[in-house]
C-alpha atoms as a PDB file:
ATOM      1  CA  UNK A   1       9.370  -8.426 -13.270  1.00  0.00           C
ATOM      2  CA  UNK A   2       6.301  -9.253 -15.410  1.00  0.00           C
ATOM      3  CA  UNK A   3       3.279 -10.588 -13.552  1.00  0.00           C
ATOM      4  CA  UNK A   4       3.284 -13.841 -15.569  1.00  0.00           C
ATOM      5  CA  UNK A   5       6.918 -14.531 -14.738  1.00  0.00           C
ATOM      6  CA  UNK A   6       6.447 -13.654 -11.074  1.00  0.00           C
ATOM      7  CA  UNK A   7       3.524 -16.076 -10.861  1.00  0.00           C
ATOM      8  CA  UNK A   8       5.629 -18.797 -12.497  1.00  0.00           C
ATOM      9  CA  UNK A   9       8.453 -18.263  -9.997  1.00  0.00           C
ATOM     10  CA  UNK A  10       6.025 -18.562  -7.084  1.00  0.00           C
ATOM     11  CA  UNK A  11       4.652 -21.777  -8.566  1.00  0.00           C
ATOM     12  CA  UNK A  12       8.191 -23.092  -9.022  1.00  0.00           C
ATOM     13  CA  UNK A  13       9.125 -22.382  -5.409  1.00  0.00           C
ATOM     14  CA  UNK A  14       5.960 -24.058  -4.118  1.00  0.00           C
ATOM     15  CA  UNK A  15       6.639 -27.119  -6.286  1.00  0.00           C
ATOM     16  CA  UNK A  16      10.266 -27.493  -5.178  1.00  0.00           C
ATOM     17  CA  UNK A  17       9.346 -26.975  -1.522  1.00  0.00           C
ATOM     18  CA  UNK A  18       6.679 -29.669  -1.726  1.00  0.00           C
ATOM     19  CA  UNK A  19       8.990 -32.517  -2.685  1.00  0.00           C
ATOM     20  CA  UNK A  20      11.772 -34.371  -0.916  1.00  0.00           C
ATOM     21  CA  UNK A  21      13.056 -35.822  -4.167  1.00  0.00           C
ATOM     22  CA  UNK A  22      15.026 -34.025  -6.828  1.00  0.00           C
ATOM     23  CA  UNK A  23      12.762 -33.101  -9.739  1.00  0.00           C
ATOM     24  CA  UNK A  24      14.202 -33.086 -13.242  1.00  0.00           C
ATOM     25  CA  UNK A  25      13.653 -30.146 -15.543  1.00  0.00           C
ATOM     26  CA  UNK A  26      11.189 -32.185 -17.614  1.00  0.00           C
ATOM     27  CA  UNK A  27       9.080 -33.065 -14.566  1.00  0.00           C
ATOM     28  CA  UNK A  28       9.116 -29.420 -13.491  1.00  0.00           C
ATOM     29  CA  UNK A  29       8.007 -28.421 -16.980  1.00  0.00           C
ATOM     30  CA  UNK A  30       4.979 -30.704 -16.681  1.00  0.00           C
ATOM     31  CA  UNK A  31       4.139 -29.802 -13.060  1.00  0.00           C
ATOM     32  CA  UNK A  32       4.618 -26.033 -12.875  1.00  0.00           C
ATOM     33  CA  UNK A  33       2.105 -23.727 -14.609  1.00  0.00           C
ATOM     34  CA  UNK A  34       3.636 -20.928 -16.643  1.00  0.00           C
ATOM     35  CA  UNK A  35       6.156 -22.762 -18.833  1.00  0.00           C
ATOM     36  CA  UNK A  36       3.787 -22.979 -21.776  1.00  0.00           C
ATOM     37  CA  UNK A  37       3.934 -20.537 -24.692  1.00  0.00           C
ATOM     38  CA  UNK A  38       2.046 -17.248 -24.609  1.00  0.00           C
ATOM     39  CA  UNK A  39      -0.840 -18.744 -26.592  1.00  0.00           C
ATOM     40  CA  UNK A  40      -1.186 -21.635 -24.134  1.00  0.00           C
ATOM     41  CA  UNK A  41       0.500 -24.223 -26.353  1.00  0.00           C
ATOM     42  CA  UNK A  42       3.434 -26.261 -25.102  1.00  0.00           C
ATOM     43  CA  UNK A  43       6.648 -24.273 -25.369  1.00  0.00           C
ATOM     44  CA  UNK A  44       9.479 -25.563 -27.542  1.00  0.00           C
ATOM     45  CA  UNK A  45      12.375 -27.287 -25.824  1.00  0.00           C
ATOM     46  CA  UNK A  46      14.649 -24.345 -26.521  1.00  0.00           C
ATOM     47  CA  UNK A  47      12.125 -21.795 -25.177  1.00  0.00           C
ATOM     48  CA  UNK A  48      11.557 -23.842 -22.031  1.00  0.00           C
ATOM     49  CA  UNK A  49      15.294 -24.191 -21.445  1.00  0.00           C
ATOM     50  CA  UNK A  50      15.792 -20.416 -21.687  1.00  0.00           C
ATOM     51  CA  UNK A  51      12.905 -19.718 -19.277  1.00  0.00           C
ATOM     52  CA  UNK A  52      14.053 -22.335 -16.774  1.00  0.00           C
ATOM     53  CA  UNK A  53      17.672 -21.120 -16.769  1.00  0.00           C
ATOM     54  CA  UNK A  54      16.504 -17.545 -16.157  1.00  0.00           C
ATOM     55  CA  UNK A  55      14.217 -18.704 -13.346  1.00  0.00           C
ATOM     56  CA  UNK A  56      16.988 -20.664 -11.611  1.00  0.00           C
ATOM     57  CA  UNK A  57      19.283 -17.636 -11.753  1.00  0.00           C
ATOM     58  CA  UNK A  58      16.482 -15.400 -10.429  1.00  0.00           C
ATOM     59  CA  UNK A  59      15.818 -17.676  -7.455  1.00  0.00           C
ATOM     60  CA  UNK A  60      19.500 -17.802  -6.547  1.00  0.00           C
ATOM     61  CA  UNK A  61      19.778 -13.998  -6.853  1.00  0.00           C
ATOM     62  CA  UNK A  62      16.860 -13.761  -4.410  1.00  0.00           C
ATOM     63  CA  UNK A  63      18.762 -15.901  -1.921  1.00  0.00           C
ATOM     64  CA  UNK A  64      16.517 -18.962  -2.291  1.00  0.00           C
ATOM     65  CA  UNK A  65      18.645 -22.094  -1.671  1.00  0.00           C
ATOM     66  CA  UNK A  66      18.075 -24.097  -4.863  1.00  0.00           C
ATOM     67  CA  UNK A  67      19.707 -27.497  -4.409  1.00  0.00           C
ATOM     68  CA  UNK A  68      20.900 -29.644  -7.340  1.00  0.00           C
ATOM     69  CA  UNK A  69      21.354 -33.427  -7.145  1.00  0.00           C
ATOM     70  CA  UNK A  70      20.182 -36.877  -8.143  1.00  0.00           C
ATOM     71  CA  UNK A  71      17.912 -39.329  -6.346  1.00  0.00           C
ATOM     72  CA  UNK A  72      20.040 -42.393  -7.284  1.00  0.00           C
ATOM     73  CA  UNK A  73      23.015 -43.456  -9.332  1.00  0.00           C
ATOM     74  CA  UNK A  74      20.637 -44.607 -12.067  1.00  0.00           C
ATOM     75  CA  UNK A  75      19.335 -41.091 -12.779  1.00  0.00           C
ATOM     76  CA  UNK A  76      20.563 -39.735 -16.093  1.00  0.00           C
ATOM     77  CA  UNK A  77      20.275 -36.037 -15.260  1.00  0.00           C
ATOM     78  CA  UNK A  78      20.293 -33.659 -12.329  1.00  0.00           C
ATOM     79  CA  UNK A  79      17.160 -32.610 -10.517  1.00  0.00           C
ATOM     80  CA  UNK A  80      16.226 -29.698  -8.264  1.00  0.00           C
ATOM     81  CA  UNK A  81      14.585 -29.128  -4.899  1.00  0.00           C
ATOM     82  CA  UNK A  82      14.428 -26.601  -2.062  1.00  0.00           C
ATOM     83  CA  UNK A  83      15.021 -27.992   1.400  1.00  0.00           C
ATOM     84  CA  UNK A  84      12.458 -26.493   3.740  1.00  0.00           C
ATOM     85  CA  UNK A  85      14.866 -26.097   6.653  1.00  0.00           C
ATOM     86  CA  UNK A  86      17.210 -24.057   4.467  1.00  0.00           C
ATOM     87  CA  UNK A  87      14.390 -21.916   3.089  1.00  0.00           C
ATOM     88  CA  UNK A  88      12.372 -21.091   6.184  1.00  0.00           C
ATOM     89  CA  UNK A  89      13.393 -18.219   8.436  1.00  0.00           C
ATOM     90  CA  UNK A  90      14.541 -19.084  11.950  1.00  0.00           C
ATOM     91  CA  UNK A  91      12.648 -17.657  14.908  1.00  0.00           C
ATOM     92  CA  UNK A  92      13.383 -13.950  15.325  1.00  0.00           C
ATOM     93  CA  UNK A  93      14.419 -12.975  18.827  1.00  0.00           C
ATOM     94  CA  UNK A  94      15.262  -9.558  20.226  1.00  0.00           C
ATOM     95  CA  UNK A  95      17.249  -8.613  23.282  1.00  0.00           C
ATOM     96  CA  UNK A  96      15.885  -5.885  25.569  1.00  0.00           C
ATOM     97  CA  UNK A  97      17.467  -3.005  23.652  1.00  0.00           C
ATOM     98  CA  UNK A  98      16.335  -4.311  20.256  1.00  0.00           C
ATOM     99  CA  UNK A  99      12.796  -4.895  21.524  1.00  0.00           C
ATOM    100  CA  UNK A 100      12.681  -1.321  22.832  1.00  0.00           C
ATOM    101  CA  UNK A 101      13.823  -0.013  19.445  1.00  0.00           C
ATOM    102  CA  UNK A 102      11.099  -1.964  17.629  1.00  0.00           C
ATOM    103  CA  UNK A 103       8.486  -0.708  20.069  1.00  0.00           C
ATOM    104  CA  UNK A 104       9.672   2.866  19.631  1.00  0.00           C
ATOM    105  CA  UNK A 105       9.562   2.522  15.851  1.00  0.00           C
ATOM    106  CA  UNK A 106       6.049   1.125  16.020  1.00  0.00           C
ATOM    107  CA  UNK A 107       4.882   4.126  18.057  1.00  0.00           C
ATOM    108  CA  UNK A 108       6.644   6.548  15.730  1.00  0.00           C
ATOM    109  CA  UNK A 109       5.173   4.939  12.621  1.00  0.00           C
ATOM    110  CA  UNK A 110       1.632   5.385  13.898  1.00  0.00           C
ATOM    111  CA  UNK A 111       1.897   8.686  12.034  1.00  0.00           C
ATOM    112  CA  UNK A 112      -0.003   8.734   8.738  1.00  0.00           C
ATOM    113  CA  UNK A 113       3.155   9.610   6.777  1.00  0.00           C
ATOM    114  CA  UNK A 114       4.896   6.367   7.746  1.00  0.00           C
ATOM    115  CA  UNK A 115       1.943   4.214   8.707  1.00  0.00           C
ATOM    116  CA  UNK A 116       1.820   1.860   5.698  1.00  0.00           C
ATOM    117  CA  UNK A 117       5.535   0.837   5.745  1.00  0.00           C
ATOM    118  CA  UNK A 118       5.244   0.256   9.499  1.00  0.00           C
ATOM    119  CA  UNK A 119       2.128  -1.861   9.125  1.00  0.00           C
ATOM    120  CA  UNK A 120       3.824  -4.070   6.532  1.00  0.00           C
ATOM    121  CA  UNK A 121       6.996  -4.416   8.625  1.00  0.00           C
ATOM    122  CA  UNK A 122       5.073  -5.382  11.761  1.00  0.00           C
ATOM    123  CA  UNK A 123       3.004  -7.923   9.817  1.00  0.00           C
ATOM    124  CA  UNK A 124       6.223  -9.573   8.620  1.00  0.00           C
ATOM    125  CA  UNK A 125       7.652  -9.649  12.144  1.00  0.00           C
ATOM    126  CA  UNK A 126       4.486 -11.174  13.570  1.00  0.00           C
ATOM    127  CA  UNK A 127       4.332 -13.702  10.725  1.00  0.00           C
ATOM    128  CA  UNK A 128       7.827 -14.804  11.706  1.00  0.00           C
ATOM    129  CA  UNK A 129       6.664 -15.448  15.259  1.00  0.00           C
ATOM    130  CA  UNK A 130       7.788 -12.208  16.868  1.00  0.00           C
ATOM    131  CA  UNK A 131       5.336 -10.620  19.290  1.00  0.00           C
ATOM    132  CA  UNK A 132       5.585  -6.848  18.833  1.00  0.00           C
ATOM    133  CA  UNK A 133       3.514  -4.769  21.216  1.00  0.00           C
ATOM    134  CA  UNK A 134       3.622  -1.184  20.041  1.00  0.00           C
ATOM    135  CA  UNK A 135       1.660   0.180  22.967  1.00  0.00           C
ATOM    136  CA  UNK A 136       3.437  -1.578  25.822  1.00  0.00           C
ATOM    137  CA  UNK A 137       4.780   0.576  28.662  1.00  0.00           C
ATOM    138  CA  UNK A 138       3.759   3.904  27.116  1.00  0.00           C
ATOM    139  CA  UNK A 139       5.459   5.894  29.816  1.00  0.00           C
ATOM    140  CA  UNK A 140       8.807   4.238  29.046  1.00  0.00           C
ATOM    141  CA  UNK A 141       8.799   5.115  25.340  1.00  0.00           C
ATOM    142  CA  UNK A 142       9.118   8.748  24.238  1.00  0.00           C
ATOM    143  CA  UNK A 143       6.474  10.145  21.922  1.00  0.00           C
ATOM    144  CA  UNK A 144       7.874  11.280  18.579  1.00  0.00           C
ATOM    145  CA  UNK A 145       6.093  13.453  16.048  1.00  0.00           C
ATOM    146  CA  UNK A 146       6.454  12.048  12.534  1.00  0.00           C
ATOM    147  CA  UNK A 147       4.064  14.442  10.821  1.00  0.00           C
ATOM    148  CA  UNK A 148       6.759  16.636   9.268  1.00  0.00           C
ATOM    149  CA  UNK A 149       6.371  16.294   5.470  1.00  0.00           C
ATOM    150  CA  UNK A 150      10.158  16.438   4.965  1.00  0.00           C
ATOM    151  CA  UNK A 151      10.745  13.293   7.054  1.00  0.00           C
ATOM    152  CA  UNK A 152       9.796  10.509   4.573  1.00  0.00           C
ATOM    153  CA  UNK A 153      11.751  11.883   1.560  1.00  0.00           C
ATOM    154  CA  UNK A 154      14.839  12.553   3.681  1.00  0.00           C
ATOM    155  CA  UNK A 155      14.720   9.074   5.199  1.00  0.00           C
ATOM    156  CA  UNK A 156      14.472   7.593   1.704  1.00  0.00           C
ATOM    157  CA  UNK A 157      17.308   9.790   0.386  1.00  0.00           C
ATOM    158  CA  UNK A 158      19.650   8.897   3.250  1.00  0.00           C
ATOM    159  CA  UNK A 159      19.004   5.174   2.718  1.00  0.00           C
ATOM    160  CA  UNK A 160      19.607   5.355  -1.037  1.00  0.00           C
ATOM    161  CA  UNK A 161      22.499   7.868  -0.882  1.00  0.00           C
ATOM    162  CA  UNK A 162      20.617  10.379  -3.041  1.00  0.00           C
ATOM    163  CA  UNK A 163      21.486  14.094  -2.971  1.00  0.00           C
ATOM    164  CA  UNK A 164      18.633  16.423  -1.981  1.00  0.00           C
ATOM    165  CA  UNK A 165      17.876  20.121  -2.330  1.00  0.00           C
ATOM    166  CA  UNK A 166      15.542  22.209  -0.155  1.00  0.00           C
ATOM    167  CA  UNK A 167      14.860  25.750   1.018  1.00  0.00           C
ATOM    168  CA  UNK A 168      15.866  26.333   4.613  1.00  0.00           C
ATOM    169  CA  UNK A 169      15.289  29.198   7.038  1.00  0.00           C
ATOM    170  CA  UNK A 170      18.026  29.301   9.647  1.00  0.00           C
ATOM    171  CA  UNK A 171      17.554  30.714  13.135  1.00  0.00           C
ATOM    172  CA  UNK A 172      17.405  34.519  13.211  1.00  0.00           C
ATOM    173  CA  UNK A 173      16.750  34.814   9.471  1.00  0.00           C
ATOM    174  CA  UNK A 174      13.472  35.612   7.739  1.00  0.00           C
ATOM    175  CA  UNK A 175      14.466  34.624   4.191  1.00  0.00           C
ATOM    176  CA  UNK A 176      15.037  30.972   3.225  1.00  0.00           C
ATOM    177  CA  UNK A 177      18.229  29.808   1.527  1.00  0.00           C
ATOM    178  CA  UNK A 178      18.584  26.890  -0.880  1.00  0.00           C
ATOM    179  CA  UNK A 179      20.733  24.042   0.442  1.00  0.00           C
ATOM    180  CA  UNK A 180      22.117  21.050  -1.476  1.00  0.00           C
ATOM    181  CA  UNK A 181      22.876  18.171   0.882  1.00  0.00           C
ATOM    182  CA  UNK A 182      24.333  14.663   0.850  1.00  0.00           C
ATOM    183  CA  UNK A 183      22.116  13.259   3.650  1.00  0.00           C
ATOM    184  CA  UNK A 184      24.105  10.890   5.865  1.00  0.00           C
ATOM    185  CA  UNK A 185      21.182  10.207   8.185  1.00  0.00           C
ATOM    186  CA  UNK A 186      18.054  11.455   9.940  1.00  0.00           C
ATOM    187  CA  UNK A 187      17.712  11.464  13.712  1.00  0.00           C
ATOM    188  CA  UNK A 188      15.586  12.817  16.531  1.00  0.00           C
ATOM    189  CA  UNK A 189      17.137  14.923  19.287  1.00  0.00           C
ATOM    190  CA  UNK A 190      15.154  16.583  22.051  1.00  0.00           C
ATOM    191  CA  UNK A 191      11.871  15.665  20.352  1.00  0.00           C
ATOM    192  CA  UNK A 192      12.852  17.362  17.092  1.00  0.00           C
ATOM    193  CA  UNK A 193      13.945  15.845  13.773  1.00  0.00           C
ATOM    194  CA  UNK A 194      17.244  16.689  12.088  1.00  0.00           C
ATOM    195  CA  UNK A 195      19.020  15.640   8.907  1.00  0.00           C
ATOM    196  CA  UNK A 196      22.820  15.619   8.966  1.00  0.00           C
ATOM    197  CA  UNK A 197      25.204  15.330   6.063  1.00  0.00           C
ATOM    198  CA  UNK A 198      27.576  17.157   3.740  1.00  0.00           C
ATOM    199  CA  UNK A 199      26.412  20.592   2.623  1.00  0.00           C
ATOM    200  CA  UNK A 200      27.675  20.969  -0.953  1.00  0.00           C
ATOM    201  CA  UNK A 201      26.952  24.696  -1.006  1.00  0.00           C
ATOM    202  CA  UNK A 202      29.018  25.355   2.147  1.00  0.00           C
ATOM    203  CA  UNK A 203      31.503  22.542   1.435  1.00  0.00           C
ATOM    204  CA  UNK A 204      31.327  21.181   4.988  1.00  0.00           C
ATOM    205  CA  UNK A 205      29.263  18.844   7.197  1.00  0.00           C
ATOM    206  CA  UNK A 206      26.083  20.454   8.508  1.00  0.00           C
ATOM    207  CA  UNK A 207      22.851  19.502  10.272  1.00  0.00           C
ATOM    208  CA  UNK A 208      19.401  20.953   9.587  1.00  0.00           C
ATOM    209  CA  UNK A 209      16.199  20.930  11.587  1.00  0.00           C
ATOM    210  CA  UNK A 210      13.357  19.521   9.542  1.00  0.00           C
ATOM    211  CA  UNK A 211      10.895  22.020  10.971  1.00  0.00           C
ATOM    212  CA  UNK A 212      12.818  24.850   9.289  1.00  0.00           C
ATOM    213  CA  UNK A 213      12.629  23.323   5.794  1.00  0.00           C
ATOM    214  CA  UNK A 214      10.291  25.332   3.560  1.00  0.00           C
ATOM    215  CA  UNK A 215       8.337  23.560   0.837  1.00  0.00           C
ATOM    216  CA  UNK A 216       9.158  20.162  -0.577  1.00  0.00           C
ATOM    217  CA  UNK A 217      12.428  18.227  -0.593  1.00  0.00           C
ATOM    218  CA  UNK A 218      13.725  17.626  -4.139  1.00  0.00           C
ATOM    219  CA  UNK A 219      16.142  14.895  -5.212  1.00  0.00           C
ATOM    220  CA  UNK A 220      19.205  15.731  -7.299  1.00  0.00           C
ATOM    221  CA  UNK A 221      20.390  12.914  -9.541  1.00  0.00           C
ATOM    222  CA  UNK A 222      20.007   9.239  -8.729  1.00  0.00           C
ATOM    223  CA  UNK A 223      20.835   6.812  -5.894  1.00  0.00           C
ATOM    224  CA  UNK A 224      24.391   5.941  -4.901  1.00  0.00           C
ATOM    225  CA  UNK A 225      25.690   9.470  -5.470  1.00  0.00           C
ATOM    226  CA  UNK A 226      27.877   9.529  -2.346  1.00  0.00           C
ATOM    227  CA  UNK A 227      29.270   7.420   0.478  1.00  0.00           C
ATOM    228  CA  UNK A 228      28.680   8.156   4.128  1.00  0.00           C
ATOM    229  CA  UNK A 229      32.008   8.566   5.985  1.00  0.00           C
ATOM    230  CA  UNK A 230      32.986   5.818   8.410  1.00  0.00           C
ATOM    231  CA  UNK A 231      32.587   6.458  12.127  1.00  0.00           C
ATOM    232  CA  UNK A 232      30.623   9.685  11.662  1.00  0.00           C
ATOM    233  CA  UNK A 233      28.641  10.674  14.783  1.00  0.00           C
ATOM    234  CA  UNK A 234      25.368  12.221  13.639  1.00  0.00           C
ATOM    235  CA  UNK A 235      24.224  12.952  17.176  1.00  0.00           C
ATOM    236  CA  UNK A 236      27.421  14.879  17.843  1.00  0.00           C
ATOM    237  CA  UNK A 237      26.830  16.883  14.658  1.00  0.00           C
ATOM    238  CA  UNK A 238      23.371  17.884  15.898  1.00  0.00           C
ATOM    239  CA  UNK A 239      24.039  18.287  19.607  1.00  0.00           C
ATOM    240  CA  UNK A 240      27.302  20.127  18.968  1.00  0.00           C
ATOM    241  CA  UNK A 241      25.643  22.786  16.841  1.00  0.00           C
ATOM    242  CA  UNK A 242      25.124  26.235  18.326  1.00  0.00           C
ATOM    243  CA  UNK A 243      22.246  25.824  20.793  1.00  0.00           C
ATOM    244  CA  UNK A 244      19.202  27.988  20.294  1.00  0.00           C
ATOM    245  CA  UNK A 245      17.621  29.843  23.146  1.00  0.00           C
ATOM    246  CA  UNK A 246      14.398  28.278  24.422  1.00  0.00           C
ATOM    247  CA  UNK A 247      11.190  30.295  24.369  1.00  0.00           C
ATOM    248  CA  UNK A 248       8.087  29.737  26.477  1.00  0.00           C
ATOM    249  CA  UNK A 249       4.523  29.353  25.221  1.00  0.00           C
ATOM    250  CA  UNK A 250       1.284  29.328  27.209  1.00  0.00           C
ATOM    251  CA  UNK A 251      -1.477  27.272  25.627  1.00  0.00           C
ATOM    252  CA  UNK A 252      -5.049  26.838  26.849  1.00  0.00           C
ATOM    253  CA  UNK A 253      -6.287  23.258  26.387  1.00  0.00           C
ATOM    254  CA  UNK A 254      -9.656  21.610  26.909  1.00  0.00           C
ATOM    255  CA  UNK A 255     -10.194  18.829  29.398  1.00  0.00           C
ATOM    256  CA  UNK A 256      -9.137  15.490  27.962  1.00  0.00           C
ATOM    257  CA  UNK A 257      -7.864  17.011  24.697  1.00  0.00           C
ATOM    258  CA  UNK A 258      -4.487  17.979  23.176  1.00  0.00           C
ATOM    259  CA  UNK A 259      -2.765  14.854  24.474  1.00  0.00           C
ATOM    260  CA  UNK A 260       0.444  15.402  22.487  1.00  0.00           C
ATOM    261  CA  UNK A 261       0.800  18.959  23.763  1.00  0.00           C
ATOM    262  CA  UNK A 262       0.281  17.743  27.321  1.00  0.00           C
ATOM    263  CA  UNK A 263       3.095  15.213  26.895  1.00  0.00           C
ATOM    264  CA  UNK A 264       5.646  17.869  25.927  1.00  0.00           C
ATOM    265  CA  UNK A 265       4.504  20.535  28.412  1.00  0.00           C
ATOM    266  CA  UNK A 266       6.759  21.584  31.256  1.00  0.00           C
ATOM    267  CA  UNK A 267       3.717  22.116  33.491  1.00  0.00           C
ATOM    268  CA  UNK A 268      -0.077  22.454  33.470  1.00  0.00           C
ATOM    269  CA  UNK A 269      -2.223  24.623  35.711  1.00  0.00           C
ATOM    270  CA  UNK A 270      -5.942  25.327  35.394  1.00  0.00           C
ATOM    271  CA  UNK A 271      -5.941  23.994  31.843  1.00  0.00           C
ATOM    272  CA  UNK A 272      -3.009  26.168  30.729  1.00  0.00           C
ATOM    273  CA  UNK A 273       0.152  24.422  29.514  1.00  0.00           C
ATOM    274  CA  UNK A 274       3.630  25.895  29.773  1.00  0.00           C
ATOM    275  CA  UNK A 275       5.701  24.626  26.847  1.00  0.00           C
ATOM    276  CA  UNK A 276       9.373  25.316  26.120  1.00  0.00           C
ATOM    277  CA  UNK A 277      10.186  25.605  22.408  1.00  0.00           C
ATOM    278  CA  UNK A 278      12.657  27.004  19.914  1.00  0.00           C
ATOM    279  CA  UNK A 279      10.950  26.099  16.633  1.00  0.00           C
ATOM    280  CA  UNK A 280       7.777  28.122  16.061  1.00  0.00           C
ATOM    281  CA  UNK A 281       6.720  26.111  13.013  1.00  0.00           C
ATOM    282  CA  UNK A 282       7.061  22.815  14.867  1.00  0.00           C
ATOM    283  CA  UNK A 283       4.913  23.924  17.817  1.00  0.00           C
ATOM    284  CA  UNK A 284       2.379  25.627  15.525  1.00  0.00           C
ATOM    285  CA  UNK A 285       1.920  22.322  13.714  1.00  0.00           C
ATOM    286  CA  UNK A 286       1.188  20.515  17.002  1.00  0.00           C
ATOM    287  CA  UNK A 287      -1.256  23.179  18.169  1.00  0.00           C
ATOM    288  CA  UNK A 288      -3.068  23.254  14.829  1.00  0.00           C
ATOM    289  CA  UNK A 289      -3.255  19.461  14.886  1.00  0.00           C
ATOM    290  CA  UNK A 290      -5.090  19.633  18.211  1.00  0.00           C
ATOM    291  CA  UNK A 291      -7.943  21.556  16.570  1.00  0.00           C
ATOM    292  CA  UNK A 292     -10.432  23.205  18.917  1.00  0.00           C
ATOM    293  CA  UNK A 293      -8.829  21.527  21.934  1.00  0.00           C
ATOM    294  CA  UNK A 294      -5.942  24.046  22.045  1.00  0.00           C
ATOM    295  CA  UNK A 295      -5.592  27.836  21.844  1.00  0.00           C
ATOM    296  CA  UNK A 296      -2.354  29.839  22.068  1.00  0.00           C
ATOM    297  CA  UNK A 297      -2.365  32.522  24.738  1.00  0.00           C
ATOM    298  CA  UNK A 298       1.182  33.697  24.072  1.00  0.00           C
ATOM    299  CA  UNK A 299       3.476  34.487  22.296  1.00  0.00           C
ATOM    300  CA  UNK A 300       1.717  36.365  19.515  1.00  0.00           C
ATOM    301  CA  UNK A 301       3.918  35.084  16.681  1.00  0.00           C
ATOM    302  CA  UNK A 302       3.075  31.489  17.635  1.00  0.00           C
ATOM    303  CA  UNK A 303      -0.655  32.282  17.608  1.00  0.00           C
ATOM    304  CA  UNK A 304      -0.258  33.900  14.178  1.00  0.00           C
ATOM    305  CA  UNK A 305       1.619  30.844  12.865  1.00  0.00           C
ATOM    306  CA  UNK A 306      -1.210  28.567  14.052  1.00  0.00           C
ATOM    307  CA  UNK A 307      -3.832  30.748  12.351  1.00  0.00           C
ATOM    308  CA  UNK A 308      -1.810  30.789   9.126  1.00  0.00           C
ATOM    309  CA  UNK A 309      -1.482  27.006   9.158  1.00  0.00           C
ATOM    310  CA  UNK A 310      -5.212  26.501   9.777  1.00  0.00           C
ATOM    311  CA  UNK A 311      -6.103  28.924   6.975  1.00  0.00           C
ATOM    312  CA  UNK A 312      -3.812  27.061   4.597  1.00  0.00           C
ATOM    313  CA  UNK A 313      -5.573  23.790   5.417  1.00  0.00           C
ATOM    314  CA  UNK A 314      -9.040  25.312   5.125  1.00  0.00           C
ATOM    315  CA  UNK A 315      -8.304  26.874   1.730  1.00  0.00           C
ATOM    316  CA  UNK A 316      -9.863  29.999   0.238  1.00  0.00           C
ATOM    317  CA  UNK A 317     -13.249  31.088   1.585  1.00  0.00           C
ATOM    318  CA  UNK A 318     -16.130  32.078  -0.682  1.00  0.00           C
END
C-alpha cells in the first residue's frame, strides 16, 4: 500500500470515529486530507468516487466496521460512520495457563534473534490493557535458549507452510545430509529445539534437532505449499524418536558468571558444573556465549568445539 493512500485511510478512520452522525461522501471529501489530485488540485468527481470506493473496500477487508445509514428521512443519500464500541478492542484477559504461556514467550523472546517481534507484541498487549510481566516467578518458568540461527526461519516457514531445505548431521554421523522438509511446527523438548514435519527425501514424517542443522535454512518455493495434517502430535514425533545417550561435561565457571550454564547443570561443586548433554554443538554455543566465565574441563571434543566457535567469531588473525 502506497504511503499516500495509507495516510488517507488513517485520516478517514479518524474522521469516521470522531462523529456520531453519518457523513456523506461529499462531506468526507471536504474533511479528509488525501482525496485531492496528485498536484494538490481538487480531484474530479469520477476520480474521487474511484478512490472512495477502493478505500471503503479496504477498510472492510481490514475488519473495520464501516456502518452505512442516514441521519433522517430527509437525507437524500447514505452516509458513513464507525461506531467506537464496534471498533475498539475489548479488554484482553488471560486465564492462568494462557498467562503462563505469555510469560514464557516473553522470557524466550529476550533472545536477540526474536527480540524485536516480542517487543512489538508485548507493546500491543500492554496497550490493550493487559499487564504482562515477563520476569515474574523466574523459578516457575523454564529458561529456553533461542539463540539458534535456524529457529527464526523455521518458525516463519512453519507458519506460512513453506518448504525448507537444510544440511543436517544426524547422531553418529560425521557428514551432513541435505534434507527437504515440509515443517509442520517447531517445539522445545528437554531444553532443545526441534522441527517436525514431512521429510520429502525420505517420504515420511521426521523430526530434526535444530542444533544439528549445518549452515543456513533455505526456502523452497513459496508459502502455502502444503497442509499440516489434522490431529498430528508433534511432541510425540520428537519424544518417540530413538533416544540418544546422554554424555557428561565438567565445566569450570567463575563466581557469579555463566548463569545459563548454572541453570542447566545437574550439580555444582567448587565452581565446577556437571552438565548432561547429547548435542555437542548446542552446549558449545552456551559455553562460548559465557565468554571468560566458563572453561570446559572435559570432554575434549566439547572443548575443541568451543574453541572452534570462538575462532569463527573472532575471525582471521593478522
